[in-house]
Amino acid sequence: MRVLDTLFLWRENAEMLDLNDLRIFEGVAALRSFSAAARALELPKSSVSRSVARLETELGTRLLQRTTREVVLTEAGKLLRARCVDILASIGEAVDLVGGFASAPRGLIRVSAGLGFGVHVLGLVLPQFLERYPEIEVSLRLGNRSMDLLGDGIDVAIHMGPLADSQLIASRLGSMERYLCAAPEYLERRGTPCTIEELRDHDRIETPGDSGRPRGWVFSNKAGQTVRFEEKPRVSTNDAVTIHRLIVNGGGIGVLSGFICGPDFREGRLIRLLPEWKLPALEVSIVFPSGRALSQTVRAFIDWCRREPC
């Protein structure tokens, strides 16, 4: 029998196969690594290897080629993975649908977000979600490094800005306004800039760009004018919480998202600068891996985020 025939017929003989083996195979195929799949699935690497070997024996064909650098799918492996994703997603949806008749969402959900969003937004509104779903547990993983949802075992992530990874599905939550601001103490000491050009005379705190060079600020006004300001900052850091503390404590002028600086504006700790000029808003999305079956618990969190304002 041809390999192609074997892989098309395996669904008719599904009782011969262990669905866990299929799930583990899909994890290895997605991550191109037995070690990474073992970490993501929280299994010993030896168990992952035995599971894939058992699946290859059942199907009578090689699914993966191991090299010194990575795991490569064979043609049979590519075909199986394409079917595998659909089958596992359908099974997960069916189980969740049936389970939904008997119980409310429950279990653990792993959520990734930037430190600033976690502190200033999730720390404020997540208790409402926990009260609404008393049987759900949340593991928050906060930081500013690039996301690897599959590799790190993350269910969903809050992402700000454009999304480059085509392996992720994004659902837009809204947008965050950004403001140029400084502390009153700093402005008393150094003066208040009244034009964009006058920013050159001030200490600026900024997030570095991908190349390490200054990211710069882009301003626009109601008249349709756009001005890009690029100068070497006095302080450069990729952490929004640190930028916030530096600005509040008089370290210089910087740009902050509204969810961070809003309370400081109201209570006088920060002053908005150049209000006639606007900075581009940041798109906020909730993202999750494409092709992954969403559990009832994950769906509950995604739906809740869509309903709650940013």
C-alpha atoms as a PDB file:
ATOM      1  CA  MET A   1       0.000   0.000   0.000  1.00  0.00           C
ATOM      2  CA  ARG A   2       1.274   3.469  -0.853  1.00  0.00           C
ATOM      3  CA  VAL A   3       2.207   5.858   1.974  1.00  0.00           C
ATOM      4  CA  LEU A   4      -0.427   8.307   0.706  1.00  0.00           C
ATOM      5  CA  ASP A   5      -3.134   5.641   0.951  1.00  0.00           C
ATOM      6  CA  THR A   6      -1.992   4.702   4.443  1.00  0.00           C
ATOM      7  CA  LEU A   7      -2.251   8.276   5.689  1.00  0.00           C
ATOM      8  CA  PHE A   8      -5.672   8.847   4.175  1.00  0.00           C
ATOM      9  CA  LEU A   9      -7.008   5.642   5.705  1.00  0.00           C
ATOM     10  CA  TRP A  10      -5.661   6.076   9.198  1.00  0.00           C
ATOM     11  CA  ARG A  11      -8.785   8.017  10.215  1.00  0.00           C
ATOM     12  CA  GLU A  12     -10.928   4.958   9.497  1.00  0.00           C
ATOM     13  CA  ASN A  13      -8.762   2.935  11.859  1.00  0.00           C
ATOM     14  CA  ALA A  14      -8.389   5.601  14.526  1.00  0.00           C
ATOM     15  CA  GLU A  15      -8.927   3.042  17.290  1.00  0.00           C
ATOM     16  CA  MET A  16      -5.486   1.666  16.415  1.00  0.00           C
ATOM     17  CA  LEU A  17      -3.834   5.002  17.178  1.00  0.00           C
ATOM     18  CA  ASP A  18      -3.381   6.892  20.421  1.00  0.00           C
ATOM     19  CA  LEU A  19      -4.635  10.458  20.155  1.00  0.00           C
ATOM     20  CA  ASN A  20      -1.919  11.499  22.599  1.00  0.00           C
ATOM     21  CA  ASP A  21       0.651  10.215  20.106  1.00  0.00           C
ATOM     22  CA  LEU A  22      -0.913  12.417  17.450  1.00  0.00           C
ATOM     23  CA  ARG A  23      -0.904  15.413  19.770  1.00  0.00           C
ATOM     24  CA  ILE A  24       2.750  14.851  20.644  1.00  0.00           C
ATOM     25  CA  PHE A  25       3.691  14.384  16.986  1.00  0.00           C
ATOM     26  CA  GLU A  26       1.967  17.670  16.106  1.00  0.00           C
ATOM     27  CA  GLY A  27       3.937  19.408  18.860  1.00  0.00           C
ATOM     28  CA  VAL A  28       7.266  18.070  17.578  1.00  0.00           C
ATOM     29  CA  ALA A  29       6.310  18.954  13.994  1.00  0.00           C
ATOM     30  CA  ALA A  30       5.320  22.504  14.958  1.00  0.00           C
ATOM     31  CA  LEU A  31       8.441  23.202  17.017  1.00  0.00           C
ATOM     32  CA  ARG A  32      10.893  21.164  14.898  1.00  0.00           C
ATOM     33  CA  SER A  33      12.413  19.852  18.106  1.00  0.00           C
ATOM     34  CA  PHE A  34      11.821  16.940  20.481  1.00  0.00           C
ATOM     35  CA  SER A  35      13.262  18.923  23.395  1.00  0.00           C
ATOM     36  CA  ALA A  36      11.103  22.001  22.746  1.00  0.00           C
ATOM     37  CA  ALA A  37       7.990  19.850  22.356  1.00  0.00           C
ATOM     38  CA  ALA A  38       8.769  18.046  25.607  1.00  0.00           C
ATOM     39  CA  ARG A  39       9.024  21.387  27.427  1.00  0.00           C
ATOM     40  CA  ALA A  40       5.835  22.753  25.858  1.00  0.00           C
ATOM     41  CA  LEU A  41       3.878  19.569  26.634  1.00  0.00           C
ATOM     42  CA  GLU A  42       5.510  19.182  30.060  1.00  0.00           C
ATOM     43  CA  LEU A  43       6.632  15.620  29.283  1.00  0.00           C
ATOM     44  CA  PRO A  44       9.998  13.831  29.516  1.00  0.00           C
ATOM     45  CA  LYS A  45      11.894  13.941  26.227  1.00  0.00           C
ATOM     46  CA  SER A  46      12.099  10.140  26.280  1.00  0.00           C
ATOM     47  CA  SER A  47       8.294   9.905  26.377  1.00  0.00           C
ATOM     48  CA  VAL A  48       8.022  12.222  23.373  1.00  0.00           C
ATOM     49  CA  SER A  49      10.527  10.125  21.394  1.00  0.00           C
ATOM     50  CA  ARG A  50       8.735   6.862  22.238  1.00  0.00           C
ATOM     51  CA  SER A  51       5.376   8.348  21.282  1.00  0.00           C
ATOM     52  CA  VAL A  52       6.584   9.446  17.835  1.00  0.00           C
ATOM     53  CA  ALA A  53       8.331   6.101  17.268  1.00  0.00           C
ATOM     54  CA  ARG A  54       5.138   4.259  18.203  1.00  0.00           C
ATOM     55  CA  LEU A  55       3.142   6.365  15.727  1.00  0.00           C
ATOM     56  CA  GLU A  56       5.667   5.690  12.949  1.00  0.00           C
ATOM     57  CA  THR A  57       5.448   1.966  13.668  1.00  0.00           C
ATOM     58  CA  GLU A  58       1.641   1.995  13.563  1.00  0.00           C
ATOM     59  CA  LEU A  59       1.626   3.840  10.235  1.00  0.00           C
ATOM     60  CA  GLY A  60       4.568   1.920   8.820  1.00  0.00           C
ATOM     61  CA  THR A  61       6.428   4.988   7.580  1.00  0.00           C
ATOM     62  CA  ARG A  62       8.986   7.547   8.683  1.00  0.00           C
ATOM     63  CA  LEU A  63       7.383  10.846   9.690  1.00  0.00           C
ATOM     64  CA  LEU A  64      10.388  12.824  10.905  1.00  0.00           C
ATOM     65  CA  GLN A  65      14.040  13.055   9.936  1.00  0.00           C
ATOM     66  CA  ARG A  66      16.383  13.913  12.809  1.00  0.00           C
ATOM     67  CA  THR A  67      19.391  16.090  11.968  1.00  0.00           C
ATOM     68  CA  THR A  68      22.033  17.644  14.220  1.00  0.00           C
ATOM     69  CA  ARG A  69      20.265  21.013  14.082  1.00  0.00           C
ATOM     70  CA  GLU A  70      16.551  20.327  13.851  1.00  0.00           C
ATOM     71  CA  VAL A  71      13.770  17.891  13.091  1.00  0.00           C
ATOM     72  CA  VAL A  72      12.545  17.877   9.483  1.00  0.00           C
ATOM     73  CA  LEU A  73       9.182  16.548   8.338  1.00  0.00           C
ATOM     74  CA  THR A  74       9.151  13.905   5.621  1.00  0.00           C
ATOM     75  CA  GLU A  75       6.527  14.148   2.886  1.00  0.00           C
ATOM     76  CA  ALA A  76       4.447  11.656   4.854  1.00  0.00           C
ATOM     77  CA  GLY A  77       4.954  13.719   7.985  1.00  0.00           C
ATOM     78  CA  LYS A  78       3.795  16.897   6.259  1.00  0.00           C
ATOM     79  CA  LEU A  79       0.635  15.184   5.076  1.00  0.00           C
ATOM     80  CA  LEU A  80      -0.093  13.714   8.482  1.00  0.00           C
ATOM     81  CA  ARG A  81       0.467  17.015  10.257  1.00  0.00           C
ATOM     82  CA  ALA A  82      -1.963  18.807   7.925  1.00  0.00           C
ATOM     83  CA  ARG A  83      -4.655  16.235   8.763  1.00  0.00           C
ATOM     84  CA  CYS A  84      -3.586  16.025  12.403  1.00  0.00           C
ATOM     85  CA  VAL A  85      -4.202  19.719  13.117  1.00  0.00           C
ATOM     86  CA  ASP A  86      -7.761  19.515  11.782  1.00  0.00           C
ATOM     87  CA  ILE A  87      -8.562  16.282  13.604  1.00  0.00           C
ATOM     88  CA  LEU A  88      -7.214  17.436  16.980  1.00  0.00           C
ATOM     89  CA  ALA A  89      -9.000  20.766  16.650  1.00  0.00           C
ATOM     90  CA  SER A  90     -12.295  19.009  15.887  1.00  0.00           C
ATOM     91  CA  ILE A  91     -11.888  16.620  18.817  1.00  0.00           C
ATOM     92  CA  GLY A  92     -11.039  19.477  21.172  1.00  0.00           C
ATOM     93  CA  GLU A  93     -14.057  21.470  20.065  1.00  0.00           C
ATOM     94  CA  ALA A  94     -16.344  18.453  20.446  1.00  0.00           C
ATOM     95  CA  VAL A  95     -15.059  17.701  23.954  1.00  0.00           C
ATOM     96  CA  ASP A  96     -15.457  21.333  24.999  1.00  0.00           C
ATOM     97  CA  LEU A  97     -18.949  21.491  23.513  1.00  0.00           C
ATOM     98  CA  VAL A  98     -20.100  18.411  25.421  1.00  0.00           C
ATOM     99  CA  GLY A  99     -18.305  19.497  28.580  1.00  0.00           C
ATOM    100  CA  GLY A 100     -19.970  22.881  28.389  1.00  0.00           C
ATOM    101  CA  PHE A 101     -23.359  21.312  29.075  1.00  0.00           C
ATOM    102  CA  ALA A 102     -22.175  19.972  32.408  1.00  0.00           C
ATOM    103  CA  SER A 103     -19.789  22.539  33.796  1.00  0.00           C
ATOM    104  CA  ALA A 104     -18.457  26.059  33.654  1.00  0.00           C
ATOM    105  CA  PRO A 105     -14.977  26.805  32.226  1.00  0.00           C
ATOM    106  CA  ARG A 106     -12.284  25.497  34.546  1.00  0.00           C
ATOM    107  CA  GLY A 107      -8.589  24.735  34.675  1.00  0.00           C
ATOM    108  CA  LEU A 108      -5.352  26.614  34.005  1.00  0.00           C
ATOM    109  CA  ILE A 109      -4.784  29.236  31.317  1.00  0.00           C
ATOM    110  CA  ARG A 110      -1.289  30.605  30.577  1.00  0.00           C
ATOM    111  CA  VAL A 111      -1.342  34.268  29.554  1.00  0.00           C
ATOM    112  CA  SER A 112       1.604  36.310  28.281  1.00  0.00           C
ATOM    113  CA  ALA A 113       1.732  40.119  28.262  1.00  0.00           C
ATOM    114  CA  GLY A 114       4.162  42.990  28.518  1.00  0.00           C
ATOM    115  CA  LEU A 115       5.136  44.001  32.030  1.00  0.00           C
ATOM    116  CA  GLY A 116       3.493  47.429  31.755  1.00  0.00           C
ATOM    117  CA  PHE A 117       0.196  46.016  30.490  1.00  0.00           C
ATOM    118  CA  GLY A 118       0.269  43.341  33.161  1.00  0.00           C
ATOM    119  CA  VAL A 119       0.861  45.807  35.988  1.00  0.00           C
ATOM    120  CA  HIS A 120      -1.445  48.627  34.871  1.00  0.00           C
ATOM    121  CA  VAL A 121      -4.257  46.781  33.074  1.00  0.00           C
ATOM    122  CA  LEU A 122      -4.436  43.092  33.938  1.00  0.00           C
ATOM    123  CA  GLY A 123      -3.610  43.777  37.568  1.00  0.00           C
ATOM    124  CA  LEU A 124      -6.605  46.079  37.648  1.00  0.00           C
ATOM    125  CA  VAL A 125      -9.253  44.144  35.694  1.00  0.00           C
ATOM    126  CA  LEU A 126      -8.233  40.474  35.983  1.00  0.00           C
ATOM    127  CA  PRO A 127      -9.862  40.093  39.431  1.00  0.00           C
ATOM    128  CA  GLN A 128     -13.239  40.619  37.696  1.00  0.00           C
ATOM    129  CA  PHE A 129     -12.499  37.688  35.381  1.00  0.00           C
ATOM    130  CA  LEU A 130     -11.474  35.491  38.325  1.00  0.00           C
ATOM    131  CA  GLU A 131     -14.691  36.384  40.142  1.00  0.00           C
ATOM    132  CA  ARG A 132     -16.744  35.602  37.029  1.00  0.00           C
ATOM    133  CA  TYR A 133     -15.037  32.197  36.552  1.00  0.00           C
ATOM    134  CA  PRO A 134     -14.142  30.851  40.026  1.00  0.00           C
ATOM    135  CA  GLU A 135     -12.833  27.525  38.683  1.00  0.00           C
ATOM    136  CA  ILE A 136     -10.271  29.041  36.292  1.00  0.00           C
ATOM    137  CA  GLU A 137      -6.628  29.471  37.316  1.00  0.00           C
ATOM    138  CA  VAL A 138      -4.368  31.982  35.547  1.00  0.00           C
ATOM    139  CA  SER A 139      -0.604  31.827  35.078  1.00  0.00           C
ATOM    140  CA  LEU A 140       0.638  35.292  34.039  1.00  0.00           C
ATOM    141  CA  ARG A 141       3.985  35.467  32.254  1.00  0.00           C
ATOM    142  CA  LEU A 142       5.042  39.093  31.993  1.00  0.00           C
ATOM    143  CA  GLY A 143       8.008  40.452  30.088  1.00  0.00           C
ATOM    144  CA  ASN A 144       9.143  42.285  26.987  1.00  0.00           C
ATOM    145  CA  ARG A 145      10.890  39.541  25.017  1.00  0.00           C
ATOM    146  CA  SER A 146       9.526  38.188  21.741  1.00  0.00           C
ATOM    147  CA  MET A 147       6.663  35.712  22.012  1.00  0.00           C
ATOM    148  CA  ASP A 148       7.076  32.005  21.359  1.00  0.00           C
ATOM    149  CA  LEU A 149       3.611  30.800  22.267  1.00  0.00           C
ATOM    150  CA  LEU A 150       4.082  27.189  21.193  1.00  0.00           C
ATOM    151  CA  GLY A 151       7.592  26.850  22.571  1.00  0.00           C
ATOM    152  CA  ASP A 152       6.711  28.400  25.919  1.00  0.00           C
ATOM    153  CA  GLY A 153       3.362  26.658  26.299  1.00  0.00           C
ATOM    154  CA  ILE A 154       1.409  29.946  26.223  1.00  0.00           C
ATOM    155  CA  ASP A 155      -2.324  29.745  25.518  1.00  0.00           C
ATOM    156  CA  VAL A 156      -2.905  33.407  24.660  1.00  0.00           C
ATOM    157  CA  ALA A 157      -0.898  36.625  24.658  1.00  0.00           C
ATOM    158  CA  ILE A 158      -1.696  40.318  24.732  1.00  0.00           C
ATOM    159  CA  HIS A 159       0.255  41.961  21.916  1.00  0.00           C
ATOM    160  CA  MET A 160       0.750  45.655  21.199  1.00  0.00           C
ATOM    161  CA  GLY A 161       1.659  46.865  17.720  1.00  0.00           C
ATOM    162  CA  PRO A 162       1.759  45.072  14.340  1.00  0.00           C
ATOM    163  CA  LEU A 163       1.888  41.282  14.303  1.00  0.00           C
ATOM    164  CA  ALA A 164       4.566  39.699  12.101  1.00  0.00           C
ATOM    165  CA  ASP A 165       4.195  35.998  13.011  1.00  0.00           C
ATOM    166  CA  SER A 166       1.881  34.313  10.499  1.00  0.00           C
ATOM    167  CA  GLN A 167       1.560  31.292  12.809  1.00  0.00           C
ATOM    168  CA  LEU A 168      -0.547  33.370  15.190  1.00  0.00           C
ATOM    169  CA  ILE A 169      -4.173  34.471  14.967  1.00  0.00           C
ATOM    170  CA  ALA A 170      -4.925  37.973  16.235  1.00  0.00           C
ATOM    171  CA  SER A 171      -8.191  39.401  17.486  1.00  0.00           C
ATOM    172  CA  ARG A 172      -8.159  43.185  17.842  1.00  0.00           C
ATOM    173  CA  LEU A 173      -9.099  44.499  21.284  1.00  0.00           C
ATOM    174  CA  GLY A 174      -8.699  48.209  20.638  1.00  0.00           C
ATOM    175  CA  SER A 175      -5.993  50.855  20.552  1.00  0.00           C
ATOM    176  CA  MET A 176      -3.920  52.722  23.103  1.00  0.00           C
ATOM    177  CA  GLU A 177      -3.229  56.430  22.814  1.00  0.00           C
ATOM    178  CA  ARG A 178       0.299  57.583  23.600  1.00  0.00           C
ATOM    179  CA  TYR A 179       1.363  60.882  25.140  1.00  0.00           C
ATOM    180  CA  LEU A 180       4.533  62.937  25.392  1.00  0.00           C
ATOM    181  CA  CYS A 181       4.948  63.904  29.033  1.00  0.00           C
ATOM    182  CA  ALA A 182       7.271  64.967  31.854  1.00  0.00           C
ATOM    183  CA  ALA A 183       7.163  65.506  35.607  1.00  0.00           C
ATOM    184  CA  PRO A 184       6.472  69.028  36.969  1.00  0.00           C
ATOM    185  CA  GLU A 185       9.811  68.957  38.813  1.00  0.00           C
ATOM    186  CA  TYR A 186      11.701  68.313  35.585  1.00  0.00           C
ATOM    187  CA  LEU A 187       9.895  71.107  33.742  1.00  0.00           C
ATOM    188  CA  GLU A 188      10.583  73.571  36.579  1.00  0.00           C
ATOM    189  CA  ARG A 189      14.271  72.695  36.351  1.00  0.00           C
ATOM    190  CA  ARG A 190      14.689  72.563  32.553  1.00  0.00           C
ATOM    191  CA  GLY A 191      11.763  74.561  31.164  1.00  0.00           C
ATOM    192  CA  THR A 192       8.740  73.434  29.156  1.00  0.00           C
ATOM    193  CA  PRO A 193       9.237  72.777  25.425  1.00  0.00           C
ATOM    194  CA  CYS A 194       6.657  74.595  23.294  1.00  0.00           C
ATOM    195  CA  THR A 195       7.695  73.226  19.879  1.00  0.00           C
ATOM    196  CA  ILE A 196       8.995  69.920  18.550  1.00  0.00           C
ATOM    197  CA  GLU A 197      12.319  71.572  17.718  1.00  0.00           C
ATOM    198  CA  GLU A 198      12.781  72.552  21.383  1.00  0.00           C
ATOM    199  CA  LEU A 199      12.789  68.852  22.365  1.00  0.00           C
ATOM    200  CA  ARG A 200      16.439  68.804  21.212  1.00  0.00           C
ATOM    201  CA  ASP A 201      17.350  70.806  24.327  1.00  0.00           C
ATOM    202  CA  HIS A 202      15.899  68.203  26.702  1.00  0.00           C
ATOM    203  CA  ASP A 203      16.803  64.816  28.159  1.00  0.00           C
ATOM    204  CA  ARG A 204      14.746  62.209  26.338  1.00  0.00           C
ATOM    205  CA  ILE A 205      13.888  58.706  27.500  1.00  0.00           C
ATOM    206  CA  GLU A 206      13.073  56.344  24.666  1.00  0.00           C
ATOM    207  CA  THR A 207      12.578  52.739  23.576  1.00  0.00           C
ATOM    208  CA  PRO A 208      15.300  51.548  21.173  1.00  0.00           C
ATOM    209  CA  GLY A 209      14.374  50.333  17.694  1.00  0.00           C
ATOM    210  CA  ASP A 210      15.043  46.830  16.388  1.00  0.00           C
ATOM    211  CA  SER A 211      18.450  47.876  15.042  1.00  0.00           C
ATOM    212  CA  GLY A 212      19.450  49.466  18.342  1.00  0.00           C
ATOM    213  CA  ARG A 213      19.145  52.975  16.879  1.00  0.00           C
ATOM    214  CA  PRO A 214      16.669  55.508  18.309  1.00  0.00           C
ATOM    215  CA  ARG A 215      13.102  54.575  17.395  1.00  0.00           C
ATOM    216  CA  GLY A 216      12.088  58.219  17.085  1.00  0.00           C
ATOM    217  CA  TRP A 217       8.725  59.889  17.581  1.00  0.00           C
ATOM    218  CA  VAL A 218       6.227  60.690  14.805  1.00  0.00           C
ATOM    219  CA  PHE A 219       3.898  63.628  15.475  1.00  0.00           C
ATOM    220  CA  SER A 220       0.837  64.742  13.507  1.00  0.00           C
ATOM    221  CA  ASN A 221      -1.633  67.575  13.956  1.00  0.00           C
ATOM    222  CA  LYS A 222      -5.174  68.429  12.878  1.00  0.00           C
ATOM    223  CA  ALA A 223      -3.849  70.348   9.880  1.00  0.00           C
ATOM    224  CA  GLY A 224      -2.490  67.120   8.440  1.00  0.00           C
ATOM    225  CA  GLN A 225       1.165  67.899   9.098  1.00  0.00           C
ATOM    226  CA  THR A 226       3.509  65.073  10.090  1.00  0.00           C
ATOM    227  CA  VAL A 227       6.898  65.571  11.754  1.00  0.00           C
ATOM    228  CA  ARG A 228       9.397  62.850  12.627  1.00  0.00           C
ATOM    229  CA  PHE A 229      11.730  63.603  15.522  1.00  0.00           C
ATOM    230  CA  GLU A 230      14.918  61.499  15.711  1.00  0.00           C
ATOM    231  CA  GLU A 231      17.663  62.354  18.144  1.00  0.00           C
ATOM    232  CA  LYS A 232      19.865  60.205  20.339  1.00  0.00           C
ATOM    233  CA  PRO A 233      18.070  59.781  23.717  1.00  0.00           C
ATOM    234  CA  ARG A 234      19.699  60.397  27.074  1.00  0.00           C
ATOM    235  CA  VAL A 235      18.316  57.086  28.374  1.00  0.00           C
ATOM    236  CA  SER A 236      17.266  54.087  26.294  1.00  0.00           C
ATOM    237  CA  THR A 237      15.360  51.069  27.676  1.00  0.00           C
ATOM    238  CA  ASN A 238      12.848  48.565  26.303  1.00  0.00           C
ATOM    239  CA  ASP A 239      10.814  48.390  29.534  1.00  0.00           C
ATOM    240  CA  ALA A 240       7.734  50.625  29.731  1.00  0.00           C
ATOM    241  CA  VAL A 241       7.531  50.371  33.528  1.00  0.00           C
ATOM    242  CA  THR A 242      11.106  51.646  33.870  1.00  0.00           C
ATOM    243  CA  ILE A 243      10.445  54.494  31.418  1.00  0.00           C
ATOM    244  CA  HIS A 244       7.394  55.447  33.476  1.00  0.00           C
ATOM    245  CA  ARG A 245       9.324  55.537  36.734  1.00  0.00           C
ATOM    246  CA  LEU A 246      12.162  57.542  35.191  1.00  0.00           C
ATOM    247  CA  ILE A 247       9.768  60.160  33.828  1.00  0.00           C
ATOM    248  CA  VAL A 248       7.727  60.419  37.050  1.00  0.00           C
ATOM    249  CA  ASN A 249      10.926  60.848  39.042  1.00  0.00           C
ATOM    250  CA  GLY A 250      12.150  63.725  36.854  1.00  0.00           C
ATOM    251  CA  GLY A 251      14.611  61.839  34.661  1.00  0.00           C
ATOM    252  CA  GLY A 252      13.476  63.441  31.425  1.00  0.00           C
ATOM    253  CA  ILE A 253      10.801  63.627  28.743  1.00  0.00           C
ATOM    254  CA  GLY A 254       9.273  60.499  27.233  1.00  0.00           C
ATOM    255  CA  VAL A 255       6.276  58.847  25.593  1.00  0.00           C
ATOM    256  CA  LEU A 256       3.885  56.687  27.616  1.00  0.00           C
ATOM    257  CA  SER A 257       0.732  54.752  26.779  1.00  0.00           C
ATOM    258  CA  GLY A 258      -2.478  56.151  28.201  1.00  0.00           C
ATOM    259  CA  PHE A 259      -3.089  53.167  30.472  1.00  0.00           C
ATOM    260  CA  ILE A 260       0.182  53.963  32.265  1.00  0.00           C
ATOM    261  CA  CYS A 261       0.164  57.759  32.460  1.00  0.00           C
ATOM    262  CA  GLY A 262      -3.590  58.430  32.768  1.00  0.00           C
ATOM    263  CA  PRO A 263      -3.666  58.327  36.590  1.00  0.00           C
ATOM    264  CA  ASP A 264      -0.526  60.508  36.740  1.00  0.00           C
ATOM    265  CA  PHE A 265      -2.182  63.192  34.592  1.00  0.00           C
ATOM    266  CA  ARG A 266      -5.246  63.214  36.860  1.00  0.00           C
ATOM    267  CA  GLU A 267      -3.188  63.452  40.042  1.00  0.00           C
ATOM    268  CA  GLY A 268      -0.629  65.969  38.771  1.00  0.00           C
ATOM    269  CA  ARG A 269       2.416  63.716  38.794  1.00  0.00           C
ATOM    270  CA  LEU A 270       2.882  64.152  35.028  1.00  0.00           C
ATOM    271  CA  ILE A 271       2.088  66.921  32.540  1.00  0.00           C
ATOM    272  CA  ARG A 272       1.204  66.322  28.904  1.00  0.00           C
ATOM    273  CA  LEU A 273       3.459  68.189  26.458  1.00  0.00           C
ATOM    274  CA  LEU A 274       2.706  69.582  22.992  1.00  0.00           C
ATOM    275  CA  PRO A 275      -1.011  68.679  23.194  1.00  0.00           C
ATOM    276  CA  GLU A 276      -1.600  70.055  19.684  1.00  0.00           C
ATOM    277  CA  TRP A 277       0.551  67.214  18.315  1.00  0.00           C
ATOM    278  CA  LYS A 278      -0.615  63.603  18.385  1.00  0.00           C
ATOM    279  CA  LEU A 279       1.417  60.377  18.428  1.00  0.00           C
ATOM    280  CA  PRO A 280       0.254  57.202  16.611  1.00  0.00           C
ATOM    281  CA  ALA A 281      -1.919  54.939  18.761  1.00  0.00           C
ATOM    282  CA  LEU A 282      -0.820  51.359  19.447  1.00  0.00           C
ATOM    283  CA  GLU A 283      -3.057  48.530  18.278  1.00  0.00           C
ATOM    284  CA  VAL A 284      -3.807  46.007  21.049  1.00  0.00           C
ATOM    285  CA  SER A 285      -4.629  42.407  20.107  1.00  0.00           C
ATOM    286  CA  ILE A 286      -5.108  39.086  21.816  1.00  0.00           C
ATOM    287  CA  VAL A 287      -3.227  36.383  19.917  1.00  0.00           C
ATOM    288  CA  PHE A 288      -3.147  32.597  19.957  1.00  0.00           C
ATOM    289  CA  PRO A 289      -1.549  29.883  17.788  1.00  0.00           C
ATOM    290  CA  SER A 290      -3.280  29.083  14.516  1.00  0.00           C
ATOM    291  CA  GLY A 291      -4.514  25.531  14.177  1.00  0.00           C
ATOM    292  CA  ARG A 292      -4.688  24.972  17.933  1.00  0.00           C
ATOM    293  CA  ALA A 293      -7.996  23.772  19.349  1.00  0.00           C
ATOM    294  CA  LEU A 294      -9.187  26.394  21.818  1.00  0.00           C
ATOM    295  CA  SER A 295     -10.388  25.009  25.115  1.00  0.00           C
ATOM    296  CA  GLN A 296     -13.528  26.266  26.782  1.00  0.00           C
ATOM    297  CA  THR A 297     -11.317  28.047  29.316  1.00  0.00           C
ATOM    298  CA  VAL A 298      -9.263  29.845  26.661  1.00  0.00           C
ATOM    299  CA  ARG A 299     -12.395  30.843  24.792  1.00  0.00           C
ATOM    300  CA  ALA A 300     -13.850  32.301  27.988  1.00  0.00           C
ATOM    301  CA  PHE A 301     -10.746  34.462  28.487  1.00  0.00           C
ATOM    302  CA  ILE A 302     -10.674  35.633  24.860  1.00  0.00           C
ATOM    303  CA  ASP A 303     -14.379  36.526  24.928  1.00  0.00           C
ATOM    304  CA  TRP A 304     -13.935  38.377  28.212  1.00  0.00           C
ATOM    305  CA  CYS A 305     -11.020  40.395  26.804  1.00  0.00           C
ATOM    306  CA  ARG A 306     -13.096  41.330  23.767  1.00  0.00           C
ATOM    307  CA  ARG A 307     -15.865  42.641  25.996  1.00  0.00           C
ATOM    308  CA  GLU A 308     -13.646  44.555  28.425  1.00  0.00           C
ATOM    309  CA  PRO A 309     -12.305  47.954  27.349  1.00  0.00           C
ATOM    310  CA  CYS A 310      -8.539  48.352  27.127  1.00  0.00           C
END
